Amino acid sequence: MPVRQGDRVTMLGHDRPLDREFDGGTQTVRVPAAARAKGRYAWVFKIDWTR
């Protein structure tokens, strides 16, 4: 299932939704410095799909 604009993207260890940009078929997720600091070796993203 593709990620759409209404879906929510979060990162394990960071309790707030992440900001995203859409440009055609490309999505860019903006990971804030506080979230980057928590994931030193790997990042895990969760996508809550809307119907």
PDB file of N, CA and C in Angstrom:
ATOM      1  N   MET A   1       0.854  -1.176   0.000  1.00  0.00           N
ATOM      2  CA  MET A   1       0.000   0.000   0.000  1.00  0.00           C
ATOM      3  C   MET A   1       0.900   1.240   0.000  1.00  0.00           C
ATOM      4  N   PRO A   2       0.661   2.195  -0.871  1.00  0.00           N
ATOM      5  CA  PRO A   2       1.485   3.403  -0.901  1.00  0.00           C
ATOM      6  C   PRO A   2       1.200   4.317   0.290  1.00  0.00           C
ATOM      7  N   VAL A   3       2.183   5.102   0.656  1.00  0.00           N
ATOM      8  CA  VAL A   3       2.011   6.094   1.719  1.00  0.00           C
ATOM      9  C   VAL A   3       1.349   7.321   1.107  1.00  0.00           C
ATOM     10  N   ARG A   4       0.292   7.796   1.773  1.00  0.00           N
ATOM     11  CA  ARG A   4      -0.441   8.955   1.252  1.00  0.00           C
ATOM     12  C   ARG A   4      -0.319  10.125   2.213  1.00  0.00           C
ATOM     13  N   GLN A   5      -0.753  11.296   1.779  1.00  0.00           N
ATOM     14  CA  GLN A   5      -0.606  12.509   2.566  1.00  0.00           C
ATOM     15  C   GLN A   5      -1.358  12.462   3.888  1.00  0.00           C
ATOM     16  N   GLY A   6      -2.443  11.757   4.001  1.00  0.00           N
ATOM     17  CA  GLY A   6      -3.205  11.694   5.247  1.00  0.00           C
ATOM     18  C   GLY A   6      -2.660  10.700   6.260  1.00  0.00           C
ATOM     19  N   ASP A   7      -1.678   9.896   5.859  1.00  0.00           N
ATOM     20  CA  ASP A   7      -1.104   8.897   6.749  1.00  0.00           C
ATOM     21  C   ASP A   7      -0.182   9.561   7.768  1.00  0.00           C
ATOM     22  N   ARG A   8       0.002   8.886   8.897  1.00  0.00           N
ATOM     23  CA  ARG A   8       0.855   9.411   9.962  1.00  0.00           C
ATOM     24  C   ARG A   8       2.145   8.594  10.002  1.00  0.00           C
ATOM     25  N   VAL A   9       3.291   9.288  10.023  1.00  0.00           N
ATOM     26  CA  VAL A   9       4.592   8.618  10.101  1.00  0.00           C
ATOM     27  C   VAL A   9       5.250   9.016  11.416  1.00  0.00           C
ATOM     28  N   THR A  10       5.640   8.019  12.201  1.00  0.00           N
ATOM     29  CA  THR A  10       6.356   8.262  13.441  1.00  0.00           C
ATOM     30  C   THR A  10       7.647   7.458  13.422  1.00  0.00           C
ATOM     31  N   MET A  11       8.519   7.779  14.374  1.00  0.00           N
ATOM     32  CA  MET A  11       9.802   7.098  14.475  1.00  0.00           C
ATOM     33  C   MET A  11       9.933   6.503  15.869  1.00  0.00           C
ATOM     34  N   LEU A  12      10.361   5.258  15.959  1.00  0.00           N
ATOM     35  CA  LEU A  12      10.533   4.583  17.236  1.00  0.00           C
ATOM     36  C   LEU A  12      11.452   5.415  18.131  1.00  0.00           C
ATOM     37  N   GLY A  13      11.006   5.710  19.358  1.00  0.00           N
ATOM     38  CA  GLY A  13      11.775   6.492  20.296  1.00  0.00           C
ATOM     39  C   GLY A  13      11.485   7.984  20.232  1.00  0.00           C
ATOM     40  N   HIS A  14      10.673   8.406  19.266  1.00  0.00           N
ATOM     41  CA  HIS A  14      10.302   9.820  19.123  1.00  0.00           C
ATOM     42  C   HIS A  14       8.777   9.864  19.110  1.00  0.00           C
ATOM     43  N   ASP A  15       8.167  10.552  20.065  1.00  0.00           N
ATOM     44  CA  ASP A  15       6.721  10.439  20.273  1.00  0.00           C
ATOM     45  C   ASP A  15       5.853  11.365  19.429  1.00  0.00           C
ATOM     46  N   ARG A  16       6.423  12.101  18.513  1.00  0.00           N
ATOM     47  CA  ARG A  16       5.625  13.022  17.702  1.00  0.00           C
ATOM     48  C   ARG A  16       5.635  12.603  16.232  1.00  0.00           C
ATOM     49  N   PRO A  17       4.558  12.904  15.502  1.00  0.00           N
ATOM     50  CA  PRO A  17       4.573  12.626  14.062  1.00  0.00           C
ATOM     51  C   PRO A  17       5.674  13.434  13.380  1.00  0.00           C
ATOM     52  N   LEU A  18       6.205  12.888  12.311  1.00  0.00           N
ATOM     53  CA  LEU A  18       7.257  13.555  11.554  1.00  0.00           C
ATOM     54  C   LEU A  18       6.672  14.363  10.413  1.00  0.00           C
ATOM     55  N   ASP A  19       7.301  15.489  10.109  1.00  0.00           N
ATOM     56  CA  ASP A  19       6.888  16.311   8.976  1.00  0.00           C
ATOM     57  C   ASP A  19       7.333  15.641   7.686  1.00  0.00           C
ATOM     58  N   ARG A  20       6.494  15.790   6.647  1.00  0.00           N
ATOM     59  CA  ARG A  20       6.813  15.182   5.354  1.00  0.00           C
ATOM     60  C   ARG A  20       6.479  16.141   4.235  1.00  0.00           C
ATOM     61  N   GLU A  21       7.131  15.955   3.117  1.00  0.00           N
ATOM     62  CA  GLU A  21       6.831  16.696   1.884  1.00  0.00           C
ATOM     63  C   GLU A  21       6.549  15.687   0.792  1.00  0.00           C
ATOM     64  N   PHE A  22       5.621  16.020  -0.075  1.00  0.00           N
ATOM     65  CA  PHE A  22       5.324  15.190  -1.237  1.00  0.00           C
ATOM     66  C   PHE A  22       5.614  15.985  -2.496  1.00  0.00           C
ATOM     67  N   ASP A  23       6.295  15.353  -3.425  1.00  0.00           N
ATOM     68  CA  ASP A  23       6.579  15.974  -4.720  1.00  0.00           C
ATOM     69  C   ASP A  23       6.352  14.906  -5.777  1.00  0.00           C
ATOM     70  N   GLY A  24       5.178  14.944  -6.371  1.00  0.00           N
ATOM     71  CA  GLY A  24       4.826  13.895  -7.328  1.00  0.00           C
ATOM     72  C   GLY A  24       4.737  12.565  -6.606  1.00  0.00           C
ATOM     73  N   GLY A  25       5.515  11.583  -7.021  1.00  0.00           N
ATOM     74  CA  GLY A  25       5.506  10.269  -6.395  1.00  0.00           C
ATOM     75  C   GLY A  25       6.579  10.099  -5.330  1.00  0.00           C
ATOM     76  N   THR A  26       7.255  11.192  -4.962  1.00  0.00           N
ATOM     77  CA  THR A  26       8.339  11.115  -3.993  1.00  0.00           C
ATOM     78  C   THR A  26       7.925  11.728  -2.665  1.00  0.00           C
ATOM     79  N   GLN A  27       8.268  11.049  -1.586  1.00  0.00           N
ATOM     80  CA  GLN A  27       7.983  11.548  -0.249  1.00  0.00           C
ATOM     81  C   GLN A  27       9.310  11.763   0.483  1.00  0.00           C
ATOM     82  N   THR A  28       9.443  12.900   1.143  1.00  0.00           N
ATOM     83  CA  THR A  28      10.614  13.198   1.951  1.00  0.00           C
ATOM     84  C   THR A  28      10.167  13.334   3.397  1.00  0.00           C
ATOM     85  N   VAL A  29      10.777  12.552   4.287  1.00  0.00           N
ATOM     86  CA  VAL A  29      10.465  12.608   5.713  1.00  0.00           C
ATOM     87  C   VAL A  29      11.535  13.452   6.388  1.00  0.00           C
ATOM     88  N   ARG A  30      11.107  14.434   7.154  1.00  0.00           N
ATOM     89  CA  ARG A  30      12.047  15.298   7.884  1.00  0.00           C
ATOM     90  C   ARG A  30      12.196  14.763   9.302  1.00  0.00           C
ATOM     91  N   VAL A  31      13.406  14.361   9.642  1.00  0.00           N
ATOM     92  CA  VAL A  31      13.687  13.813  10.962  1.00  0.00           C
ATOM     93  C   VAL A  31      14.390  14.897  11.782  1.00  0.00           C
ATOM     94  N   PRO A  32      13.735  15.413  12.848  1.00  0.00           N
ATOM     95  CA  PRO A  32      14.341  16.473  13.640  1.00  0.00           C
ATOM     96  C   PRO A  32      15.590  15.995  14.387  1.00  0.00           C
ATOM     97  N   ALA A  33      16.437  16.948  14.770  1.00  0.00           N
ATOM     98  CA  ALA A  33      17.700  16.619  15.446  1.00  0.00           C
ATOM     99  C   ALA A  33      17.475  15.785  16.705  1.00  0.00           C
ATOM    100  N   ALA A  34      16.430  16.087  17.478  1.00  0.00           N
ATOM    101  CA  ALA A  34      16.157  15.330  18.706  1.00  0.00           C
ATOM    102  C   ALA A  34      15.876  13.861  18.390  1.00  0.00           C
ATOM    103  N   ALA A  35      15.178  13.595  17.304  1.00  0.00           N
ATOM    104  CA  ALA A  35      14.881  12.214  16.916  1.00  0.00           C
ATOM    105  C   ALA A  35      16.134  11.535  16.366  1.00  0.00           C
ATOM    106  N   ARG A  36      16.946  12.254  15.597  1.00  0.00           N
ATOM    107  CA  ARG A  36      18.182  11.673  15.061  1.00  0.00           C
ATOM    108  C   ARG A  36      19.122  11.260  16.187  1.00  0.00           C
ATOM    109  N   ALA A  37      19.157  12.047  17.259  1.00  0.00           N
ATOM    110  CA  ALA A  37      20.043  11.750  18.389  1.00  0.00           C
ATOM    111  C   ALA A  37      19.638  10.468  19.115  1.00  0.00           C
ATOM    112  N   LYS A  38      18.360  10.118  19.092  1.00  0.00           N
ATOM    113  CA  LYS A  38      17.879   8.916  19.786  1.00  0.00           C
ATOM    114  C   LYS A  38      18.189   7.636  19.020  1.00  0.00           C
ATOM    115  N   GLY A  39      18.311   7.726  17.710  1.00  0.00           N
ATOM    116  CA  GLY A  39      18.567   6.549  16.886  1.00  0.00           C
ATOM    117  C   GLY A  39      19.978   6.565  16.348  1.00  0.00           C
ATOM    118  N   ARG A  40      20.919   6.140  17.153  1.00  0.00           N
ATOM    119  CA  ARG A  40      22.319   6.251  16.774  1.00  0.00           C
ATOM    120  C   ARG A  40      22.721   5.288  15.651  1.00  0.00           C
ATOM    121  N   TYR A  41      22.211   4.054  15.679  1.00  0.00           N
ATOM    122  CA  TYR A  41      22.647   3.054  14.711  1.00  0.00           C
ATOM    123  C   TYR A  41      21.601   2.679  13.679  1.00  0.00           C
ATOM    124  N   ALA A  42      20.332   2.840  14.039  1.00  0.00           N
ATOM    125  CA  ALA A  42      19.262   2.473  13.095  1.00  0.00           C
ATOM    126  C   ALA A  42      18.013   3.273  13.435  1.00  0.00           C
ATOM    127  N   TRP A  43      17.217   3.551  12.427  1.00  0.00           N
ATOM    128  CA  TRP A  43      15.940   4.240  12.621  1.00  0.00           C
ATOM    129  C   TRP A  43      14.824   3.302  12.190  1.00  0.00           C
ATOM    130  N   VAL A  44      13.736   3.286  12.965  1.00  0.00           N
ATOM    131  CA  VAL A  44      12.568   2.476  12.630  1.00  0.00           C
ATOM    132  C   VAL A  44      11.386   3.420  12.490  1.00  0.00           C
ATOM    133  N   PHE A  45      10.747   3.393  11.316  1.00  0.00           N
ATOM    134  CA  PHE A  45       9.594   4.246  11.049  1.00  0.00           C
ATOM    135  C   PHE A  45       8.325   3.413  11.067  1.00  0.00           C
ATOM    136  N   LYS A  46       7.264   4.003  11.577  1.00  0.00           N
ATOM    137  CA  LYS A  46       5.951   3.370  11.584  1.00  0.00           C
ATOM    138  C   LYS A  46       5.010   4.236  10.767  1.00  0.00           C
ATOM    139  N   ILE A  47       4.254   3.608   9.884  1.00  0.00           N
ATOM    140  CA  ILE A  47       3.273   4.328   9.051  1.00  0.00           C
ATOM    141  C   ILE A  47       1.881   3.853   9.447  1.00  0.00           C
ATOM    142  N   ASP A  48       1.054   4.789   9.937  1.00  0.00           N
ATOM    143  CA  ASP A  48      -0.350   4.499  10.228  1.00  0.00           C
ATOM    144  C   ASP A  48      -1.151   4.902   9.004  1.00  0.00           C
ATOM    145  N   TRP A  49      -1.596   3.913   8.226  1.00  0.00           N
ATOM    146  CA  TRP A  49      -2.345   4.182   7.012  1.00  0.00           C
ATOM    147  C   TRP A  49      -3.774   4.568   7.307  1.00  0.00           C
ATOM    148  N   THR A  50      -4.277   5.538   6.565  1.00  0.00           N
ATOM    149  CA  THR A  50      -5.697   5.884   6.604  1.00  0.00           C
ATOM    150  C   THR A  50      -6.362   5.193   5.423  1.00  0.00           C
ATOM    151  N   ARG A  51      -7.624   4.984   5.506  1.00  0.00           N
ATOM    152  CA  ARG A  51      -8.327   4.325   4.392  1.00  0.00           C
ATOM    153  C   ARG A  51      -8.982   5.338   3.500  1.00  0.00           C
TER     154      ARG A  51
END
